[in-house]
Amino acid sequence: MSGIVGIFRRDGAPVERALLQSLVDFLAYRGQDGRECWADTSIGLGHTLLRTTRESASERQPASVEDRYWITADARLDGRRELLDRLGLPRSNAQSTPDCELILRAYAKWGSECLGHLRGDFSFAVWDAPNKQLFCARDHFGIKPFYYAGVGSVLVFSNTLDCIRRHPAVSVRLNDLAIADFLLFDMIREPAATSFEDIHRLLPAHSLTCGQGSIFVRRY
């Protein structure tokens, strides 16, 4: 599975490029076919690519549409031809258009309602530059993981929990209740919790929207 990571400074402060790069480097084991990061003032996205499909042959992330929307994703979409039809794109593009680009074009067309048109396994984050908003989502069955930490004015996300732990704003404090649950019941009873107090799990079939205000999580 490819690696994704991102940092959003909700206070408008610039993202530290060196810190973002270090998080991308940490995810290198997730993808040996590419390692990129992109930052624009208060937002930074990173990606390490593992090519697993024919459509990913030309894939490069983080990717953008007209510099208005940017994406980092670990995704494998089903029903690609039907999605191309809904997007008004020729079916001849089915084998040349990466899944991340289809997700991005779906978001550009439908906004958060794009999730009603997506089928498959995915974990992604889209930076919506016109609205200064980060939109993240996880697939219906939770095949692809997604973790996040909102600490003060900083939101950090990744599909790898240990990657988030490397951000200096994220504390090392353990979630005592979650650990007690695990020791007593062999499971953490709060589905969105992890063993670390600052880090949360985005549940299957849920999206996360973050602007300069609050972090909003909903089931779609």
C-alpha atoms as a PDB file:
ATOM      1  CA  MET A   1       0.000   0.000   0.000  1.00  0.00           C
ATOM      2  CA  SER A   2       1.225   3.499  -0.841  1.00  0.00           C
ATOM      3  CA  GLY A   3       1.971   5.930   1.971  1.00  0.00           C
ATOM      4  CA  ILE A   4       0.117   9.205   2.502  1.00  0.00           C
ATOM      5  CA  VAL A   5       0.799  12.030   4.949  1.00  0.00           C
ATOM      6  CA  GLY A   6      -0.216  15.640   5.369  1.00  0.00           C
ATOM      7  CA  ILE A   7       0.054  18.651   7.662  1.00  0.00           C
ATOM      8  CA  PHE A   8      -2.480  21.475   7.835  1.00  0.00           C
ATOM      9  CA  ARG A   9      -1.750  24.593   9.896  1.00  0.00           C
ATOM     10  CA  ARG A  10      -5.207  25.976  10.658  1.00  0.00           C
ATOM     11  CA  ASP A  11      -3.724  29.195  12.003  1.00  0.00           C
ATOM     12  CA  GLY A  12      -2.289  30.019   8.565  1.00  0.00           C
ATOM     13  CA  ALA A  13       1.328  29.543   9.633  1.00  0.00           C
ATOM     14  CA  PRO A  14       3.599  27.968   6.996  1.00  0.00           C
ATOM     15  CA  VAL A  15       4.252  24.244   7.027  1.00  0.00           C
ATOM     16  CA  GLU A  16       7.867  23.301   7.720  1.00  0.00           C
ATOM     17  CA  ARG A  17       9.015  21.720   4.448  1.00  0.00           C
ATOM     18  CA  ALA A  18      11.886  19.842   6.120  1.00  0.00           C
ATOM     19  CA  LEU A  19       9.501  18.289   8.655  1.00  0.00           C
ATOM     20  CA  LEU A  20       7.072  17.241   5.926  1.00  0.00           C
ATOM     21  CA  GLN A  21       9.928  15.715   3.932  1.00  0.00           C
ATOM     22  CA  SER A  22      11.087  13.759   6.988  1.00  0.00           C
ATOM     23  CA  LEU A  23       7.611  12.251   7.364  1.00  0.00           C
ATOM     24  CA  VAL A  24       7.572  11.314   3.681  1.00  0.00           C
ATOM     25  CA  ASP A  25      11.018   9.729   4.050  1.00  0.00           C
ATOM     26  CA  PHE A  26       9.720   7.688   6.992  1.00  0.00           C
ATOM     27  CA  LEU A  27       7.026   6.258   4.684  1.00  0.00           C
ATOM     28  CA  ALA A  28       9.542   5.206   2.031  1.00  0.00           C
ATOM     29  CA  TYR A  29       9.013   1.522   2.903  1.00  0.00           C
ATOM     30  CA  ARG A  30       5.364   1.892   1.852  1.00  0.00           C
ATOM     31  CA  GLY A  31       6.235   2.777  -1.727  1.00  0.00           C
ATOM     32  CA  GLN A  32       9.451   2.265  -3.661  1.00  0.00           C
ATOM     33  CA  ASP A  33       8.159   3.682  -6.960  1.00  0.00           C
ATOM     34  CA  GLY A  34       8.016   7.356  -6.039  1.00  0.00           C
ATOM     35  CA  ARG A  35       8.478   9.786  -3.171  1.00  0.00           C
ATOM     36  CA  GLU A  36       7.111  13.315  -3.428  1.00  0.00           C
ATOM     37  CA  CYS A  37       5.845  16.156  -1.286  1.00  0.00           C
ATOM     38  CA  TRP A  38       4.088  19.428  -2.037  1.00  0.00           C
ATOM     39  CA  ALA A  39       3.470  22.439   0.200  1.00  0.00           C
ATOM     40  CA  ASP A  40       1.727  25.767  -0.179  1.00  0.00           C
ATOM     41  CA  THR A  41       1.906  28.015   2.878  1.00  0.00           C
ATOM     42  CA  SER A  42      -0.251  26.326   5.561  1.00  0.00           C
ATOM     43  CA  ILE A  43      -0.852  22.984   3.799  1.00  0.00           C
ATOM     44  CA  GLY A  44       1.588  20.212   2.940  1.00  0.00           C
ATOM     45  CA  LEU A  45       0.911  16.808   1.357  1.00  0.00           C
ATOM     46  CA  GLY A  46       3.267  13.869   0.919  1.00  0.00           C
ATOM     47  CA  HIS A  47       3.129  10.522  -0.852  1.00  0.00           C
ATOM     48  CA  THR A  48       5.197   7.399  -1.411  1.00  0.00           C
ATOM     49  CA  LEU A  49       4.016   5.389  -4.398  1.00  0.00           C
ATOM     50  CA  LEU A  50       3.653   1.638  -4.793  1.00  0.00           C
ATOM     51  CA  ARG A  51       2.434   0.776  -8.298  1.00  0.00           C
ATOM     52  CA  THR A  52      -0.036  -2.125  -8.107  1.00  0.00           C
ATOM     53  CA  THR A  53      -2.286  -1.610 -11.155  1.00  0.00           C
ATOM     54  CA  ARG A  54      -1.866  -0.848 -14.866  1.00  0.00           C
ATOM     55  CA  GLU A  55      -3.562   2.501 -14.307  1.00  0.00           C
ATOM     56  CA  SER A  56      -0.837   3.533 -11.865  1.00  0.00           C
ATOM     57  CA  ALA A  57       1.868   3.344 -14.540  1.00  0.00           C
ATOM     58  CA  SER A  58       1.655   7.109 -15.108  1.00  0.00           C
ATOM     59  CA  GLU A  59       0.650   8.002 -11.559  1.00  0.00           C
ATOM     60  CA  ARG A  60       2.444  10.737  -9.680  1.00  0.00           C
ATOM     61  CA  GLN A  61       1.347  12.187  -6.357  1.00  0.00           C
ATOM     62  CA  PRO A  62       0.561  14.598  -4.798  1.00  0.00           C
ATOM     63  CA  ALA A  63      -1.505  15.386  -7.909  1.00  0.00           C
ATOM     64  CA  SER A  64      -3.601  18.411  -8.817  1.00  0.00           C
ATOM     65  CA  VAL A  65      -6.355  19.695 -11.071  1.00  0.00           C
ATOM     66  CA  GLU A  66      -5.628  23.216 -12.325  1.00  0.00           C
ATOM     67  CA  ASP A  67      -3.784  23.971  -9.057  1.00  0.00           C
ATOM     68  CA  ARG A  68      -7.218  24.325  -7.419  1.00  0.00           C
ATOM     69  CA  TYR A  69      -7.447  20.867  -5.867  1.00  0.00           C
ATOM     70  CA  TRP A  70      -4.589  18.665  -4.646  1.00  0.00           C
ATOM     71  CA  ILE A  71      -4.701  15.050  -3.525  1.00  0.00           C
ATOM     72  CA  THR A  72      -2.651  12.411  -1.767  1.00  0.00           C
ATOM     73  CA  ALA A  73      -4.289   8.982  -1.863  1.00  0.00           C
ATOM     74  CA  ASP A  74      -3.871   5.272  -1.421  1.00  0.00           C
ATOM     75  CA  ALA A  75      -6.663   4.028  -3.641  1.00  0.00           C
ATOM     76  CA  ARG A  76      -7.898   1.257  -5.916  1.00  0.00           C
ATOM     77  CA  LEU A  77     -11.199   2.078  -7.575  1.00  0.00           C
ATOM     78  CA  ASP A  78     -13.822  -0.256  -9.000  1.00  0.00           C
ATOM     79  CA  GLY A  79     -16.388   0.708 -11.649  1.00  0.00           C
ATOM     80  CA  ARG A  80     -13.922   2.999 -13.374  1.00  0.00           C
ATOM     81  CA  ARG A  81     -15.743   3.062 -16.731  1.00  0.00           C
ATOM     82  CA  GLU A  82     -19.036   4.053 -15.108  1.00  0.00           C
ATOM     83  CA  LEU A  83     -17.258   6.776 -13.147  1.00  0.00           C
ATOM     84  CA  LEU A  84     -15.652   8.086 -16.336  1.00  0.00           C
ATOM     85  CA  ASP A  85     -19.116   8.292 -17.898  1.00  0.00           C
ATOM     86  CA  ARG A  86     -20.461  10.308 -14.954  1.00  0.00           C
ATOM     87  CA  LEU A  87     -17.483  12.619 -15.129  1.00  0.00           C
ATOM     88  CA  GLY A  88     -18.016  13.142 -18.848  1.00  0.00           C
ATOM     89  CA  LEU A  89     -14.632  11.657 -19.731  1.00  0.00           C
ATOM     90  CA  PRO A  90     -14.059   9.205 -22.609  1.00  0.00           C
ATOM     91  CA  ARG A  91     -13.918   5.525 -21.704  1.00  0.00           C
ATOM     92  CA  SER A  92     -10.707   5.305 -23.714  1.00  0.00           C
ATOM     93  CA  ASN A  93      -9.078   6.967 -20.687  1.00  0.00           C
ATOM     94  CA  ALA A  94      -9.906   3.958 -18.482  1.00  0.00           C
ATOM     95  CA  GLN A  95      -6.417   2.472 -18.533  1.00  0.00           C
ATOM     96  CA  SER A  96      -4.449   5.714 -18.654  1.00  0.00           C
ATOM     97  CA  THR A  97      -6.096   7.706 -15.851  1.00  0.00           C
ATOM     98  CA  PRO A  98      -4.801   6.935 -12.340  1.00  0.00           C
ATOM     99  CA  ASP A  99      -7.331   6.326  -9.568  1.00  0.00           C
ATOM    100  CA  CYS A 100      -6.138   9.406  -7.677  1.00  0.00           C
ATOM    101  CA  GLU A 101      -6.997  11.617 -10.673  1.00  0.00           C
ATOM    102  CA  LEU A 102     -10.499  10.138 -10.902  1.00  0.00           C
ATOM    103  CA  ILE A 103     -11.071  10.871  -7.205  1.00  0.00           C
ATOM    104  CA  LEU A 104      -9.789  14.407  -7.640  1.00  0.00           C
ATOM    105  CA  ARG A 105     -11.991  15.064 -10.671  1.00  0.00           C
ATOM    106  CA  ALA A 106     -14.963  13.601  -8.800  1.00  0.00           C
ATOM    107  CA  TYR A 107     -14.320  15.999  -5.938  1.00  0.00           C
ATOM    108  CA  ALA A 108     -13.912  18.928  -8.339  1.00  0.00           C
ATOM    109  CA  LYS A 109     -17.331  18.092  -9.828  1.00  0.00           C
ATOM    110  CA  TRP A 110     -19.384  17.021  -6.803  1.00  0.00           C
ATOM    111  CA  GLY A 111     -17.484  18.240  -3.739  1.00  0.00           C
ATOM    112  CA  SER A 112     -18.011  16.087  -0.645  1.00  0.00           C
ATOM    113  CA  GLU A 113     -20.850  14.295  -2.469  1.00  0.00           C
ATOM    114  CA  CYS A 114     -18.198  12.593  -4.616  1.00  0.00           C
ATOM    115  CA  LEU A 115     -18.175   9.769  -2.074  1.00  0.00           C
ATOM    116  CA  GLY A 116     -21.544   8.630  -3.384  1.00  0.00           C
ATOM    117  CA  HIS A 117     -19.863   7.959  -6.749  1.00  0.00           C
ATOM    118  CA  LEU A 118     -16.738   6.143  -5.557  1.00  0.00           C
ATOM    119  CA  ARG A 119     -16.424   2.369  -5.231  1.00  0.00           C
ATOM    120  CA  GLY A 120     -13.363   0.448  -4.132  1.00  0.00           C
ATOM    121  CA  ASP A 121     -10.691   0.705  -1.459  1.00  0.00           C
ATOM    122  CA  PHE A 122      -9.422   4.190  -0.659  1.00  0.00           C
ATOM    123  CA  SER A 123      -7.934   6.489   1.892  1.00  0.00           C
ATOM    124  CA  PHE A 124      -7.305  10.029   0.687  1.00  0.00           C
ATOM    125  CA  ALA A 125      -7.055  13.734   1.481  1.00  0.00           C
ATOM    126  CA  VAL A 126      -7.974  16.552  -0.904  1.00  0.00           C
ATOM    127  CA  TRP A 127      -6.852  20.130  -0.388  1.00  0.00           C
ATOM    128  CA  ASP A 128      -9.567  22.449  -1.676  1.00  0.00           C
ATOM    129  CA  ALA A 129      -7.589  25.649  -2.315  1.00  0.00           C
ATOM    130  CA  PRO A 130     -10.535  27.944  -3.236  1.00  0.00           C
ATOM    131  CA  ASN A 131     -12.276  27.102   0.056  1.00  0.00           C
ATOM    132  CA  LYS A 132      -9.083  26.709   2.148  1.00  0.00           C
ATOM    133  CA  GLN A 133     -10.406  23.351   3.272  1.00  0.00           C
ATOM    134  CA  LEU A 134      -9.047  19.839   3.737  1.00  0.00           C
ATOM    135  CA  PHE A 135     -11.391  16.978   2.865  1.00  0.00           C
ATOM    136  CA  CYS A 136     -10.451  13.413   3.824  1.00  0.00           C
ATOM    137  CA  ALA A 137     -12.265  10.095   3.491  1.00  0.00           C
ATOM    138  CA  ARG A 138     -11.977   6.367   4.058  1.00  0.00           C
ATOM    139  CA  ASP A 139     -13.656   3.632   2.015  1.00  0.00           C
ATOM    140  CA  HIS A 140     -16.950   1.973   2.942  1.00  0.00           C
ATOM    141  CA  PHE A 141     -15.428  -1.162   4.504  1.00  0.00           C
ATOM    142  CA  GLY A 142     -12.304   0.408   5.975  1.00  0.00           C
ATOM    143  CA  ILE A 143      -9.876  -1.599   3.856  1.00  0.00           C
ATOM    144  CA  LYS A 144      -7.464   1.343   3.761  1.00  0.00           C
ATOM    145  CA  PRO A 145      -6.526   2.909   7.123  1.00  0.00           C
ATOM    146  CA  PHE A 146      -6.603   6.622   7.963  1.00  0.00           C
ATOM    147  CA  TYR A 147      -5.333   8.224  11.197  1.00  0.00           C
ATOM    148  CA  TYR A 148      -5.267  11.848  12.292  1.00  0.00           C
ATOM    149  CA  ALA A 149      -4.282  14.073  15.200  1.00  0.00           C
ATOM    150  CA  GLY A 150      -5.692  17.530  15.793  1.00  0.00           C
ATOM    151  CA  VAL A 151      -3.365  19.252  18.245  1.00  0.00           C
ATOM    152  CA  GLY A 152      -3.962  22.957  18.781  1.00  0.00           C
ATOM    153  CA  SER A 153      -3.896  24.618  15.371  1.00  0.00           C
ATOM    154  CA  VAL A 154      -2.169  21.647  13.669  1.00  0.00           C
ATOM    155  CA  LEU A 155      -3.849  18.723  11.934  1.00  0.00           C
ATOM    156  CA  VAL A 156      -1.597  15.809  10.971  1.00  0.00           C
ATOM    157  CA  PHE A 157      -2.865  12.773   9.066  1.00  0.00           C
ATOM    158  CA  SER A 158      -1.475   9.596   7.534  1.00  0.00           C
ATOM    159  CA  ASN A 159      -2.434   6.031   6.720  1.00  0.00           C
ATOM    160  CA  THR A 160       0.378   5.002   9.090  1.00  0.00           C
ATOM    161  CA  LEU A 161      -0.017   5.659  12.821  1.00  0.00           C
ATOM    162  CA  ASP A 162       3.714   5.721  13.588  1.00  0.00           C
ATOM    163  CA  CYS A 163       4.209   8.433  10.970  1.00  0.00           C
ATOM    164  CA  ILE A 164       1.896  10.779  12.874  1.00  0.00           C
ATOM    165  CA  ARG A 165       3.766  10.065  16.101  1.00  0.00           C
ATOM    166  CA  ARG A 166       6.897  11.574  14.564  1.00  0.00           C
ATOM    167  CA  HIS A 167       5.346  15.054  14.370  1.00  0.00           C
ATOM    168  CA  PRO A 168       6.660  17.129  17.316  1.00  0.00           C
ATOM    169  CA  ALA A 169       3.196  18.527  18.144  1.00  0.00           C
ATOM    170  CA  VAL A 170       1.848  15.027  18.789  1.00  0.00           C
ATOM    171  CA  SER A 171       2.465  13.919  22.358  1.00  0.00           C
ATOM    172  CA  VAL A 172       3.635  10.484  23.486  1.00  0.00           C
ATOM    173  CA  ARG A 173       0.782  10.250  26.011  1.00  0.00           C
ATOM    174  CA  LEU A 174      -0.988   6.913  26.004  1.00  0.00           C
ATOM    175  CA  ASN A 175      -4.763   6.518  25.942  1.00  0.00           C
ATOM    176  CA  ASP A 176      -5.215   4.769  29.292  1.00  0.00           C
ATOM    177  CA  LEU A 177      -8.871   3.881  28.695  1.00  0.00           C
ATOM    178  CA  ALA A 178      -8.123   2.317  25.305  1.00  0.00           C
ATOM    179  CA  ILE A 179      -5.255   0.291  26.735  1.00  0.00           C
ATOM    180  CA  ALA A 180      -7.413  -0.849  29.667  1.00  0.00           C
ATOM    181  CA  ASP A 181     -10.093  -1.942  27.197  1.00  0.00           C
ATOM    182  CA  PHE A 182      -7.535  -3.921  25.232  1.00  0.00           C
ATOM    183  CA  LEU A 183      -6.169  -5.645  28.342  1.00  0.00           C
ATOM    184  CA  LEU A 184      -9.649  -6.461  29.660  1.00  0.00           C
ATOM    185  CA  PHE A 185     -11.574  -7.206  26.481  1.00  0.00           C
ATOM    186  CA  ASP A 186      -8.873  -7.875  23.834  1.00  0.00           C
ATOM    187  CA  MET A 187     -10.198  -4.893  21.889  1.00  0.00           C
ATOM    188  CA  ILE A 188     -10.547  -1.111  22.060  1.00  0.00           C
ATOM    189  CA  ARG A 189     -14.285  -0.563  22.520  1.00  0.00           C
ATOM    190  CA  GLU A 190     -14.236   3.014  21.201  1.00  0.00           C
ATOM    191  CA  PRO A 191     -13.823   2.437  17.416  1.00  0.00           C
ATOM    192  CA  ALA A 192     -12.261   5.830  16.700  1.00  0.00           C
ATOM    193  CA  ALA A 193      -9.692   5.589  19.514  1.00  0.00           C
ATOM    194  CA  THR A 194      -6.104   4.365  19.314  1.00  0.00           C
ATOM    195  CA  SER A 195      -3.557   3.534  22.003  1.00  0.00           C
ATOM    196  CA  PHE A 196      -2.317   7.149  21.844  1.00  0.00           C
ATOM    197  CA  GLU A 197      -4.300  10.010  23.339  1.00  0.00           C
ATOM    198  CA  ASP A 198      -3.732  12.491  20.497  1.00  0.00           C
ATOM    199  CA  ILE A 199      -4.260  10.098  17.586  1.00  0.00           C
ATOM    200  CA  HIS A 200      -7.662   9.055  16.275  1.00  0.00           C
ATOM    201  CA  ARG A 201      -8.844   6.604  13.664  1.00  0.00           C
ATOM    202  CA  LEU A 202     -11.198   7.730  10.888  1.00  0.00           C
ATOM    203  CA  LEU A 203     -13.899   5.062  10.794  1.00  0.00           C
ATOM    204  CA  PRO A 204     -14.956   3.194   7.639  1.00  0.00           C
ATOM    205  CA  ALA A 205     -17.498   5.116   5.513  1.00  0.00           C
ATOM    206  CA  HIS A 206     -16.600   8.381   7.248  1.00  0.00           C
ATOM    207  CA  SER A 207     -15.197  11.670   6.017  1.00  0.00           C
ATOM    208  CA  LEU A 208     -13.285  14.427   7.782  1.00  0.00           C
ATOM    209  CA  THR A 209     -13.518  18.090   6.839  1.00  0.00           C
ATOM    210  CA  CYS A 210     -11.149  20.631   8.307  1.00  0.00           C
ATOM    211  CA  GLY A 211     -11.002  24.364   7.676  1.00  0.00           C
ATOM    212  CA  GLN A 212      -9.700  27.180   9.813  1.00  0.00           C
ATOM    213  CA  GLY A 213     -12.467  26.406  12.302  1.00  0.00           C
ATOM    214  CA  SER A 214     -13.305  23.001  13.739  1.00  0.00           C
ATOM    215  CA  ILE A 215     -12.640  19.459  12.557  1.00  0.00           C
ATOM    216  CA  PHE A 216     -15.887  17.845  11.417  1.00  0.00           C
ATOM    217  CA  VAL A 217     -16.266  14.071  11.056  1.00  0.00           C
ATOM    218  CA  ARG A 218     -19.377  12.491   9.577  1.00  0.00           C
ATOM    219  CA  ARG A 219     -20.638   9.170   8.254  1.00  0.00           C
ATOM    220  CA  TYR A 220     -21.450   9.272   4.549  1.00  0.00           C
END
